[in-house]
Amino acid sequence: MVGILEIGCYFPERRESNLDLAEKFDVTEEFIKGKIGVSERSVKAATETVLDMCGKAFANLIEKADVSPDAIGCCVVVTQNPGLPHASAVLHGMLDLPESCAAFDISLGCSGYVYALSVMSSFMQQQGIEYGLLFTADPYSTIVDPEDKATALLFGDAATATLLKRDAGLVPVGFDFGTLGKEYMSLARVDGTLSMNGRQVFNFAAKAIPPSVERLLNRLAIPREAIRDWYFHQGSRYIVDTIMKRLGLSEEKMIFDIDGYGNTVSSSIPVLLATRLKAVAPGDLVFMSGFGVGLSWGSAVLKKV
């Protein structure tokens, strides 16, 4: 299998305060902090692109990890901002990666990081690739309606760059995936603007994710108590708290931290993991689950080797 060695992150400098919007949307500070869990959101510059953000996440990665671009054999970008050509091809040129490096995009949102880990693990093992780069970037600020209470207070912009290596680091030991495609309109872009039915998205997460967790742990014969940390997509504090309660998990192991930047879609799980990666010791198990656009989910158990 292929493991996570290091993660670089990028957040735009600009912040927009949700507390300043409380009166406009007729909400309280308690609602903003207690239910949404986001006091301010990171917002990219108007001229900043997905590729710019990925490049800055890569710059942060190489400050942490000693790896040469020449060693990279696979470059994947998880984004819902498709272009022609694909983002990973342009990024490949920007980073001066070798011609032998495969590059492709995965068009998924909140579950995309887990899907990409599974895809890249299989691809890199099959092709005998030692090192890979996994990027995430979904700047929803370009499609959020600032007058829409359901989305304007929630989403923030960020990008991540994950360095993967065969048989080292934090290695996946099992996955669980699924899709509720009949409800895809619960979270979709309509006429260029993000549309979200918050109640339907919440119900989906609350009903689909606990069984996904149980299914995967049972298949791997791993008790909940063996999991060191739980990394769920940071949809909102209310969603994460609900999943935690339904699974009977402790707050100490359930990681939630988006108060200063918001729900960063495909970047939310790697952003959380980046600050805690060094604390995971050999033999430790962690659980991650992404869920959202599609409606889709992807869950994984990973072990530090």
C-alpha atoms as a PDB file:
ATOM      1  CA  MET A   1       0.000   0.000   0.000  1.00  0.00           C
ATOM      2  CA  VAL A   2       0.914   3.659  -0.313  1.00  0.00           C
ATOM      3  CA  GLY A   3       1.350   5.858   2.763  1.00  0.00           C
ATOM      4  CA  ILE A   4       1.074   9.548   3.624  1.00  0.00           C
ATOM      5  CA  LEU A   5       4.509  10.989   4.436  1.00  0.00           C
ATOM      6  CA  GLU A   6       3.799  14.721   4.735  1.00  0.00           C
ATOM      7  CA  ILE A   7       1.127  17.317   3.932  1.00  0.00           C
ATOM      8  CA  GLY A   8       1.565  20.927   2.846  1.00  0.00           C
ATOM      9  CA  CYS A   9      -1.275  23.449   3.184  1.00  0.00           C
ATOM     10  CA  TYR A  10      -2.176  26.829   1.779  1.00  0.00           C
ATOM     11  CA  PHE A  11      -4.757  29.300   3.091  1.00  0.00           C
ATOM     12  CA  PRO A  12      -5.373  32.661   1.404  1.00  0.00           C
ATOM     13  CA  GLU A  13      -4.533  35.597   3.663  1.00  0.00           C
ATOM     14  CA  ARG A  14      -7.940  37.242   3.285  1.00  0.00           C
ATOM     15  CA  ARG A  15     -10.551  36.451   5.940  1.00  0.00           C
ATOM     16  CA  GLU A  16     -14.252  37.285   6.056  1.00  0.00           C
ATOM     17  CA  SER A  17     -15.979  37.355   9.441  1.00  0.00           C
ATOM     18  CA  ASN A  18     -19.210  35.461  10.006  1.00  0.00           C
ATOM     19  CA  LEU A  19     -19.810  37.439  13.169  1.00  0.00           C
ATOM     20  CA  ASP A  20     -20.097  40.563  11.021  1.00  0.00           C
ATOM     21  CA  LEU A  21     -22.881  38.835   9.086  1.00  0.00           C
ATOM     22  CA  ALA A  22     -24.892  37.706  12.118  1.00  0.00           C
ATOM     23  CA  GLU A  23     -27.401  40.554  11.923  1.00  0.00           C
ATOM     24  CA  LYS A  24     -27.751  40.261   8.142  1.00  0.00           C
ATOM     25  CA  PHE A  25     -28.709  36.586   8.370  1.00  0.00           C
ATOM     26  CA  ASP A  26     -30.579  36.918  11.682  1.00  0.00           C
ATOM     27  CA  VAL A  27     -28.358  34.456  13.540  1.00  0.00           C
ATOM     28  CA  THR A  28     -26.605  34.611  16.894  1.00  0.00           C
ATOM     29  CA  GLU A  29     -22.928  34.255  17.748  1.00  0.00           C
ATOM     30  CA  GLU A  30     -23.872  31.068  19.595  1.00  0.00           C
ATOM     31  CA  PHE A  31     -25.379  29.646  16.378  1.00  0.00           C
ATOM     32  CA  ILE A  32     -22.318  30.602  14.333  1.00  0.00           C
ATOM     33  CA  LYS A  33     -19.863  29.042  16.758  1.00  0.00           C
ATOM     34  CA  GLY A  34     -21.978  26.205  18.139  1.00  0.00           C
ATOM     35  CA  LYS A  35     -23.818  24.926  15.064  1.00  0.00           C
ATOM     36  CA  ILE A  36     -21.693  26.011  12.096  1.00  0.00           C
ATOM     37  CA  GLY A  37     -18.354  26.156  13.912  1.00  0.00           C
ATOM     38  CA  VAL A  38     -16.915  28.872  11.664  1.00  0.00           C
ATOM     39  CA  SER A  39     -16.182  32.375  12.963  1.00  0.00           C
ATOM     40  CA  GLU A  40     -14.318  33.478   9.841  1.00  0.00           C
ATOM     41  CA  ARG A  41     -13.652  32.075   6.381  1.00  0.00           C
ATOM     42  CA  SER A  42     -10.540  32.135   4.209  1.00  0.00           C
ATOM     43  CA  VAL A  43     -11.258  33.632   0.778  1.00  0.00           C
ATOM     44  CA  LYS A  44      -8.935  33.541  -2.201  1.00  0.00           C
ATOM     45  CA  ALA A  45      -8.056  36.617  -4.240  1.00  0.00           C
ATOM     46  CA  ALA A  46     -10.176  37.196  -7.338  1.00  0.00           C
ATOM     47  CA  THR A  47      -7.193  36.554  -9.604  1.00  0.00           C
ATOM     48  CA  GLU A  48      -6.020  33.451  -7.721  1.00  0.00           C
ATOM     49  CA  THR A  49      -6.609  30.122  -9.472  1.00  0.00           C
ATOM     50  CA  VAL A  50      -6.782  26.495  -8.369  1.00  0.00           C
ATOM     51  CA  LEU A  51      -3.311  26.034  -9.869  1.00  0.00           C
ATOM     52  CA  ASP A  52      -1.925  29.015  -7.932  1.00  0.00           C
ATOM     53  CA  MET A  53      -3.303  27.556  -4.708  1.00  0.00           C
ATOM     54  CA  CYS A  54      -1.900  24.076  -5.430  1.00  0.00           C
ATOM     55  CA  GLY A  55       1.485  25.590  -6.213  1.00  0.00           C
ATOM     56  CA  LYS A  56       1.536  27.386  -2.855  1.00  0.00           C
ATOM     57  CA  ALA A  57       0.509  24.208  -1.027  1.00  0.00           C
ATOM     58  CA  PHE A  58       3.403  22.424  -2.749  1.00  0.00           C
ATOM     59  CA  ALA A  59       5.790  25.189  -1.629  1.00  0.00           C
ATOM     60  CA  ASN A  60       4.670  24.542   1.952  1.00  0.00           C
ATOM     61  CA  LEU A  61       5.124  20.802   1.467  1.00  0.00           C
ATOM     62  CA  ILE A  62       8.729  21.026   0.331  1.00  0.00           C
ATOM     63  CA  GLU A  63       9.522  23.167   3.376  1.00  0.00           C
ATOM     64  CA  LYS A  64       8.593  20.096   5.439  1.00  0.00           C
ATOM     65  CA  ALA A  65       9.659  17.182   3.234  1.00  0.00           C
ATOM     66  CA  ASP A  66      12.954  16.397   1.542  1.00  0.00           C
ATOM     67  CA  VAL A  67      11.831  15.243  -1.889  1.00  0.00           C
ATOM     68  CA  SER A  68      12.988  16.095  -5.398  1.00  0.00           C
ATOM     69  CA  PRO A  69      10.409  16.766  -8.138  1.00  0.00           C
ATOM     70  CA  ASP A  70      12.429  14.317 -10.252  1.00  0.00           C
ATOM     71  CA  ALA A  71      11.347  11.491  -7.933  1.00  0.00           C
ATOM     72  CA  ILE A  72       7.610  12.036  -8.450  1.00  0.00           C
ATOM     73  CA  GLY A  73       5.943   9.382 -10.591  1.00  0.00           C
ATOM     74  CA  CYS A  74       2.292  10.362 -10.191  1.00  0.00           C
ATOM     75  CA  CYS A  75       0.490  13.708  -9.777  1.00  0.00           C
ATOM     76  CA  VAL A  76      -3.246  13.813  -9.019  1.00  0.00           C
ATOM     77  CA  VAL A  77      -5.470  16.846  -8.417  1.00  0.00           C
ATOM     78  CA  VAL A  78      -8.824  16.500  -6.659  1.00  0.00           C
ATOM     79  CA  THR A  79     -10.946  19.430  -7.793  1.00  0.00           C
ATOM     80  CA  GLN A  80     -14.397  20.304  -9.105  1.00  0.00           C
ATOM     81  CA  ASN A  81     -12.906  23.061 -11.245  1.00  0.00           C
ATOM     82  CA  PRO A  82     -12.249  21.129 -14.465  1.00  0.00           C
ATOM     83  CA  GLY A  83     -10.511  22.733 -17.375  1.00  0.00           C
ATOM     84  CA  LEU A  84      -8.937  21.941 -20.703  1.00  0.00           C
ATOM     85  CA  PRO A  85      -6.362  20.578 -20.258  1.00  0.00           C
ATOM     86  CA  HIS A  86      -6.794  18.936 -16.879  1.00  0.00           C
ATOM     87  CA  ALA A  87      -5.395  20.833 -13.888  1.00  0.00           C
ATOM     88  CA  SER A  88      -2.820  18.160 -13.057  1.00  0.00           C
ATOM     89  CA  ALA A  89      -1.224  18.482 -16.505  1.00  0.00           C
ATOM     90  CA  VAL A  90      -0.730  22.227 -16.089  1.00  0.00           C
ATOM     91  CA  LEU A  91       0.522  21.718 -12.533  1.00  0.00           C
ATOM     92  CA  HIS A  92       2.927  19.067 -13.838  1.00  0.00           C
ATOM     93  CA  GLY A  93       4.503  21.724 -16.058  1.00  0.00           C
ATOM     94  CA  MET A  94       4.502  24.377 -13.335  1.00  0.00           C
ATOM     95  CA  LEU A  95       6.385  22.105 -10.931  1.00  0.00           C
ATOM     96  CA  ASP A  96       8.732  20.795 -13.640  1.00  0.00           C
ATOM     97  CA  LEU A  97       7.863  17.171 -12.912  1.00  0.00           C
ATOM     98  CA  PRO A  98       9.504  14.473 -15.083  1.00  0.00           C
ATOM     99  CA  GLU A  99       7.940  13.315 -18.361  1.00  0.00           C
ATOM    100  CA  SER A 100       7.587   9.835 -16.854  1.00  0.00           C
ATOM    101  CA  CYS A 101       5.175  11.243 -14.229  1.00  0.00           C
ATOM    102  CA  ALA A 102       1.502  10.373 -14.811  1.00  0.00           C
ATOM    103  CA  ALA A 103      -0.963  13.226 -14.202  1.00  0.00           C
ATOM    104  CA  PHE A 104      -4.750  13.101 -13.911  1.00  0.00           C
ATOM    105  CA  ASP A 105      -7.646  14.797 -12.102  1.00  0.00           C
ATOM    106  CA  ILE A 106     -10.364  13.345  -9.874  1.00  0.00           C
ATOM    107  CA  SER A 107     -13.615  15.330  -9.985  1.00  0.00           C
ATOM    108  CA  LEU A 108     -14.924  14.874  -6.468  1.00  0.00           C
ATOM    109  CA  GLY A 109     -15.533  17.207  -3.554  1.00  0.00           C
ATOM    110  CA  CYS A 110     -15.773  16.400   0.136  1.00  0.00           C
ATOM    111  CA  SER A 111     -15.133  12.662  -0.277  1.00  0.00           C
ATOM    112  CA  GLY A 112     -12.382  13.189  -2.852  1.00  0.00           C
ATOM    113  CA  TYR A 113      -9.342  12.880  -0.603  1.00  0.00           C
ATOM    114  CA  VAL A 114     -10.276   9.368   0.524  1.00  0.00           C
ATOM    115  CA  TYR A 115     -11.172   8.302  -3.024  1.00  0.00           C
ATOM    116  CA  ALA A 116      -7.864   9.653  -4.298  1.00  0.00           C
ATOM    117  CA  LEU A 117      -5.888   7.768  -1.644  1.00  0.00           C
ATOM    118  CA  SER A 118      -7.458   4.517  -2.810  1.00  0.00           C
ATOM    119  CA  VAL A 119      -6.976   5.254  -6.523  1.00  0.00           C
ATOM    120  CA  MET A 120      -3.380   6.397  -6.129  1.00  0.00           C
ATOM    121  CA  SER A 121      -2.488   3.489  -3.867  1.00  0.00           C
ATOM    122  CA  SER A 122      -3.603   0.986  -6.503  1.00  0.00           C
ATOM    123  CA  PHE A 123      -2.108   2.962  -9.389  1.00  0.00           C
ATOM    124  CA  MET A 124       1.265   3.467  -7.751  1.00  0.00           C
ATOM    125  CA  GLN A 125       1.535  -0.152  -6.640  1.00  0.00           C
ATOM    126  CA  GLN A 126       0.603  -1.454 -10.089  1.00  0.00           C
ATOM    127  CA  GLN A 127       3.038   0.844 -11.879  1.00  0.00           C
ATOM    128  CA  GLY A 128       5.873   0.451  -9.391  1.00  0.00           C
ATOM    129  CA  ILE A 129       5.837   4.192  -8.550  1.00  0.00           C
ATOM    130  CA  GLU A 130       7.749   5.163  -5.408  1.00  0.00           C
ATOM    131  CA  TYR A 131       6.527   8.741  -4.821  1.00  0.00           C
ATOM    132  CA  GLY A 132       3.293  10.544  -5.683  1.00  0.00           C
ATOM    133  CA  LEU A 133       1.711  13.938  -5.126  1.00  0.00           C
ATOM    134  CA  LEU A 134      -1.951  14.353  -4.211  1.00  0.00           C
ATOM    135  CA  PHE A 135      -3.415  17.870  -4.430  1.00  0.00           C
ATOM    136  CA  THR A 136      -6.814  19.155  -3.269  1.00  0.00           C
ATOM    137  CA  ALA A 137      -8.350  22.535  -4.120  1.00  0.00           C
ATOM    138  CA  ASP A 138     -12.026  23.486  -4.257  1.00  0.00           C
ATOM    139  CA  PRO A 139     -12.416  27.274  -3.843  1.00  0.00           C
ATOM    140  CA  TYR A 140     -16.169  27.553  -3.404  1.00  0.00           C
ATOM    141  CA  SER A 141     -15.953  31.315  -2.865  1.00  0.00           C
ATOM    142  CA  THR A 142     -16.241  31.654  -6.657  1.00  0.00           C
ATOM    143  CA  ILE A 143     -19.681  30.008  -6.719  1.00  0.00           C
ATOM    144  CA  VAL A 144     -21.214  30.859  -3.327  1.00  0.00           C
ATOM    145  CA  ASP A 145     -24.077  33.364  -3.364  1.00  0.00           C
ATOM    146  CA  PRO A 146     -23.214  35.927  -0.643  1.00  0.00           C
ATOM    147  CA  GLU A 147     -26.947  36.324   0.026  1.00  0.00           C
ATOM    148  CA  ASP A 148     -27.503  32.610   0.668  1.00  0.00           C
ATOM    149  CA  LYS A 149     -27.506  31.892   4.403  1.00  0.00           C
ATOM    150  CA  ALA A 150     -27.109  28.142   3.819  1.00  0.00           C
ATOM    151  CA  THR A 151     -23.711  28.483   2.132  1.00  0.00           C
ATOM    152  CA  ALA A 152     -22.333  32.002   2.690  1.00  0.00           C
ATOM    153  CA  LEU A 153     -21.406  31.322   6.332  1.00  0.00           C
ATOM    154  CA  LEU A 154     -19.877  27.911   5.758  1.00  0.00           C
ATOM    155  CA  PHE A 155     -17.343  27.481   2.965  1.00  0.00           C
ATOM    156  CA  GLY A 156     -13.724  28.639   2.923  1.00  0.00           C
ATOM    157  CA  ASP A 157     -10.862  28.317   0.434  1.00  0.00           C
ATOM    158  CA  ALA A 158      -7.723  26.228   0.900  1.00  0.00           C
ATOM    159  CA  ALA A 159      -5.434  23.803  -0.924  1.00  0.00           C
ATOM    160  CA  THR A 160      -3.277  20.899   0.181  1.00  0.00           C
ATOM    161  CA  ALA A 161      -0.394  18.877  -1.242  1.00  0.00           C
ATOM    162  CA  THR A 162       0.200  15.364   0.131  1.00  0.00           C
ATOM    163  CA  LEU A 163       3.418  13.447  -0.447  1.00  0.00           C
ATOM    164  CA  LEU A 164       2.780   9.719  -0.823  1.00  0.00           C
ATOM    165  CA  LYS A 165       5.337   6.896  -0.729  1.00  0.00           C
ATOM    166  CA  ARG A 166       5.024   3.171  -1.187  1.00  0.00           C
ATOM    167  CA  ASP A 167       5.030   1.125   2.020  1.00  0.00           C
ATOM    168  CA  ALA A 168       5.832   4.019   4.331  1.00  0.00           C
ATOM    169  CA  GLY A 169       4.069   6.611   6.474  1.00  0.00           C
ATOM    170  CA  LEU A 170       0.350   6.457   7.229  1.00  0.00           C
ATOM    171  CA  VAL A 171      -0.864   3.529   5.122  1.00  0.00           C
ATOM    172  CA  PRO A 172      -4.525   2.687   4.302  1.00  0.00           C
ATOM    173  CA  VAL A 173      -5.554  -0.784   5.445  1.00  0.00           C
ATOM    174  CA  GLY A 174      -9.182  -0.663   4.273  1.00  0.00           C
ATOM    175  CA  PHE A 175     -11.828   1.479   2.581  1.00  0.00           C
ATOM    176  CA  ASP A 176     -15.605   1.840   2.368  1.00  0.00           C
ATOM    177  CA  PHE A 177     -17.292   3.817  -0.443  1.00  0.00           C
ATOM    178  CA  GLY A 178     -20.815   4.640  -1.547  1.00  0.00           C
ATOM    179  CA  THR A 179     -23.071   7.025  -3.446  1.00  0.00           C
ATOM    180  CA  LEU A 180     -26.633   8.272  -3.089  1.00  0.00           C
ATOM    181  CA  GLY A 181     -26.878   9.608  -6.621  1.00  0.00           C
ATOM    182  CA  LYS A 182     -30.644  10.116  -6.581  1.00  0.00           C
ATOM    183  CA  GLU A 183     -30.120  13.024  -4.189  1.00  0.00           C
ATOM    184  CA  TYR A 184     -27.320  14.742  -6.120  1.00  0.00           C
ATOM    185  CA  MET A 185     -29.284  17.999  -6.333  1.00  0.00           C
ATOM    186  CA  SER A 186     -29.000  18.405  -2.548  1.00  0.00           C
ATOM    187  CA  LEU A 187     -25.559  19.940  -3.168  1.00  0.00           C
ATOM    188  CA  ALA A 188     -24.938  21.145  -6.701  1.00  0.00           C
ATOM    189  CA  ARG A 189     -24.000  24.086  -8.890  1.00  0.00           C
ATOM    190  CA  VAL A 190     -27.115  25.532 -10.504  1.00  0.00           C
ATOM    191  CA  ASP A 191     -26.718  28.261 -13.118  1.00  0.00           C
ATOM    192  CA  GLY A 192     -23.202  28.920 -11.892  1.00  0.00           C
ATOM    193  CA  THR A 193     -24.140  29.243  -8.211  1.00  0.00           C
ATOM    194  CA  LEU A 194     -23.815  26.755  -5.364  1.00  0.00           C
ATOM    195  CA  SER A 195     -27.153  25.387  -4.165  1.00  0.00           C
ATOM    196  CA  MET A 196     -27.391  23.375  -0.961  1.00  0.00           C
ATOM    197  CA  ASN A 197     -30.313  21.843   0.880  1.00  0.00           C
ATOM    198  CA  GLY A 198     -28.752  21.826   4.330  1.00  0.00           C
ATOM    199  CA  ARG A 199     -31.353  19.538   5.876  1.00  0.00           C
ATOM    200  CA  GLN A 200     -30.950  16.873   3.182  1.00  0.00           C
ATOM    201  CA  VAL A 201     -27.147  17.012   3.374  1.00  0.00           C
ATOM    202  CA  PHE A 202     -27.287  16.701   7.161  1.00  0.00           C
ATOM    203  CA  ASN A 203     -29.692  13.752   6.982  1.00  0.00           C
ATOM    204  CA  PHE A 204     -27.455  12.032   4.438  1.00  0.00           C
ATOM    205  CA  ALA A 205     -24.348  12.398   6.606  1.00  0.00           C
ATOM    206  CA  ALA A 206     -26.131  11.373   9.797  1.00  0.00           C
ATOM    207  CA  LYS A 207     -27.628   8.261   8.193  1.00  0.00           C
ATOM    208  CA  ALA A 208     -24.815   7.122   5.877  1.00  0.00           C
ATOM    209  CA  ILE A 209     -21.591   7.739   7.803  1.00  0.00           C
ATOM    210  CA  PRO A 210     -22.148   5.816  11.077  1.00  0.00           C
ATOM    211  CA  PRO A 211     -23.013   2.602   9.144  1.00  0.00           C
ATOM    212  CA  SER A 212     -19.970   3.162   6.901  1.00  0.00           C
ATOM    213  CA  VAL A 213     -17.788   3.360  10.014  1.00  0.00           C
ATOM    214  CA  GLU A 214     -19.326   0.227  11.524  1.00  0.00           C
ATOM    215  CA  ARG A 215     -19.087  -1.695   8.253  1.00  0.00           C
ATOM    216  CA  LEU A 216     -15.415  -0.931   7.738  1.00  0.00           C
ATOM    217  CA  LEU A 217     -14.359  -1.604  11.327  1.00  0.00           C
ATOM    218  CA  ASN A 218     -16.282  -4.890  11.373  1.00  0.00           C
ATOM    219  CA  ARG A 219     -14.731  -5.995   8.083  1.00  0.00           C
ATOM    220  CA  LEU A 220     -11.237  -5.259   9.428  1.00  0.00           C
ATOM    221  CA  ALA A 221     -12.033  -6.677  12.889  1.00  0.00           C
ATOM    222  CA  ILE A 222     -10.882  -3.434  14.531  1.00  0.00           C
ATOM    223  CA  PRO A 223     -12.617  -2.198  17.704  1.00  0.00           C
ATOM    224  CA  ARG A 224     -13.460   1.502  17.949  1.00  0.00           C
ATOM    225  CA  GLU A 225     -11.209   1.803  20.968  1.00  0.00           C
ATOM    226  CA  ALA A 226      -8.186   0.954  18.800  1.00  0.00           C
ATOM    227  CA  ILE A 227      -8.579   4.125  16.709  1.00  0.00           C
ATOM    228  CA  ARG A 228      -6.250   6.903  17.864  1.00  0.00           C
ATOM    229  CA  ASP A 229      -7.959   9.814  16.056  1.00  0.00           C
ATOM    230  CA  TRP A 230     -11.119  10.307  13.997  1.00  0.00           C
ATOM    231  CA  TYR A 231     -10.985  12.684  11.016  1.00  0.00           C
ATOM    232  CA  PHE A 232     -14.410  13.399   9.563  1.00  0.00           C
ATOM    233  CA  HIS A 233     -15.074  15.874   6.779  1.00  0.00           C
ATOM    234  CA  GLN A 234     -15.651  19.240   8.422  1.00  0.00           C
ATOM    235  CA  GLY A 235     -19.142  19.798   7.030  1.00  0.00           C
ATOM    236  CA  SER A 236     -20.177  21.784  10.102  1.00  0.00           C
ATOM    237  CA  ARG A 237     -19.830  21.430  13.850  1.00  0.00           C
ATOM    238  CA  TYR A 238     -23.421  20.178  14.085  1.00  0.00           C
ATOM    239  CA  ILE A 239     -22.829  17.409  11.523  1.00  0.00           C
ATOM    240  CA  VAL A 240     -19.580  16.243  13.117  1.00  0.00           C
ATOM    241  CA  ASP A 241     -21.070  16.363  16.622  1.00  0.00           C
ATOM    242  CA  THR A 242     -24.072  14.324  15.454  1.00  0.00           C
ATOM    243  CA  ILE A 243     -21.856  11.622  13.931  1.00  0.00           C
ATOM    244  CA  MET A 244     -19.764  11.574  17.098  1.00  0.00           C
ATOM    245  CA  LYS A 245     -22.825  11.081  19.309  1.00  0.00           C
ATOM    246  CA  ARG A 246     -24.381   8.400  17.107  1.00  0.00           C
ATOM    247  CA  LEU A 247     -21.143   6.419  17.179  1.00  0.00           C
ATOM    248  CA  GLY A 248     -20.530   7.044  20.873  1.00  0.00           C
ATOM    249  CA  LEU A 249     -17.070   8.548  20.256  1.00  0.00           C
ATOM    250  CA  SER A 250     -15.184  10.746  22.712  1.00  0.00           C
ATOM    251  CA  GLU A 251     -14.550  14.420  21.999  1.00  0.00           C
ATOM    252  CA  GLU A 252     -10.858  13.916  22.732  1.00  0.00           C
ATOM    253  CA  LYS A 253     -10.448  11.647  19.704  1.00  0.00           C
ATOM    254  CA  MET A 254     -12.883  13.460  17.388  1.00  0.00           C
ATOM    255  CA  ILE A 255     -10.948  16.215  15.620  1.00  0.00           C
ATOM    256  CA  PHE A 256     -12.839  19.410  14.700  1.00  0.00           C
ATOM    257  CA  ASP A 257     -11.057  22.613  13.748  1.00  0.00           C
ATOM    258  CA  ILE A 258     -12.431  24.970  11.069  1.00  0.00           C
ATOM    259  CA  ASP A 259     -13.226  28.062  13.121  1.00  0.00           C
ATOM    260  CA  GLY A 260     -10.639  30.251  11.383  1.00  0.00           C
ATOM    261  CA  TYR A 261     -11.075  29.198   7.756  1.00  0.00           C
ATOM    262  CA  GLY A 262     -14.311  27.259   7.134  1.00  0.00           C
ATOM    263  CA  ASN A 263     -15.395  24.110   5.316  1.00  0.00           C
ATOM    264  CA  THR A 264     -12.672  23.670   2.688  1.00  0.00           C
ATOM    265  CA  VAL A 265     -14.386  20.779   0.850  1.00  0.00           C
ATOM    266  CA  SER A 266     -11.803  18.240  -0.458  1.00  0.00           C
ATOM    267  CA  SER A 267      -9.076  19.896   1.631  1.00  0.00           C
ATOM    268  CA  SER A 268     -10.811  19.561   5.006  1.00  0.00           C
ATOM    269  CA  ILE A 269      -9.407  16.150   6.014  1.00  0.00           C
ATOM    270  CA  PRO A 270      -5.775  16.730   4.912  1.00  0.00           C
ATOM    271  CA  VAL A 271      -5.813  20.179   6.542  1.00  0.00           C
ATOM    272  CA  LEU A 272      -6.745  18.538   9.856  1.00  0.00           C
ATOM    273  CA  LEU A 273      -4.262  15.728   9.434  1.00  0.00           C
ATOM    274  CA  ALA A 274      -1.364  18.024   8.498  1.00  0.00           C
ATOM    275  CA  THR A 275      -0.976  19.480  11.999  1.00  0.00           C
ATOM    276  CA  ARG A 276      -1.228  16.092  13.727  1.00  0.00           C
ATOM    277  CA  LEU A 277       0.696  13.813  11.386  1.00  0.00           C
ATOM    278  CA  LYS A 278       3.929  13.894  13.417  1.00  0.00           C
ATOM    279  CA  ALA A 279       2.116  12.823  16.584  1.00  0.00           C
ATOM    280  CA  VAL A 280       0.964   9.533  15.058  1.00  0.00           C
ATOM    281  CA  ALA A 281       3.341   6.789  16.212  1.00  0.00           C
ATOM    282  CA  PRO A 282       4.174   3.494  14.479  1.00  0.00           C
ATOM    283  CA  GLY A 283       1.315   1.045  14.972  1.00  0.00           C
ATOM    284  CA  ASP A 284      -1.299   3.781  15.583  1.00  0.00           C
ATOM    285  CA  LEU A 285      -4.594   3.607  13.681  1.00  0.00           C
ATOM    286  CA  VAL A 286      -6.603   6.604  12.471  1.00  0.00           C
ATOM    287  CA  PHE A 287      -9.988   6.783  10.782  1.00  0.00           C
ATOM    288  CA  MET A 288     -11.046   9.268   8.106  1.00  0.00           C
ATOM    289  CA  SER A 289     -14.356   9.770   6.329  1.00  0.00           C
ATOM    290  CA  GLY A 290     -15.295  12.307   3.668  1.00  0.00           C
ATOM    291  CA  PHE A 291     -18.887  12.909   2.587  1.00  0.00           C
ATOM    292  CA  GLY A 292     -20.818  15.407   0.500  1.00  0.00           C
ATOM    293  CA  VAL A 293     -21.174  16.231  -3.198  1.00  0.00           C
ATOM    294  CA  GLY A 294     -22.709  13.370  -5.138  1.00  0.00           C
ATOM    295  CA  LEU A 295     -24.029  12.546  -2.620  1.00  0.00           C
ATOM    296  CA  SER A 296     -21.008  10.362  -1.922  1.00  0.00           C
ATOM    297  CA  TRP A 297     -18.857   9.108   0.901  1.00  0.00           C
ATOM    298  CA  GLY A 298     -15.469   7.496   1.356  1.00  0.00           C
ATOM    299  CA  SER A 299     -14.119   6.092   4.627  1.00  0.00           C
ATOM    300  CA  ALA A 300     -10.695   4.631   5.428  1.00  0.00           C
ATOM    301  CA  VAL A 301      -8.647   3.171   8.255  1.00  0.00           C
ATOM    302  CA  LEU A 302      -4.927   4.009   8.100  1.00  0.00           C
ATOM    303  CA  LYS A 303      -1.997   2.615  10.074  1.00  0.00           C
ATOM    304  CA  LYS A 304       1.363   4.221  10.742  1.00  0.00           C
ATOM    305  CA  VAL A 305       4.198   1.954   9.588  1.00  0.00           C
END
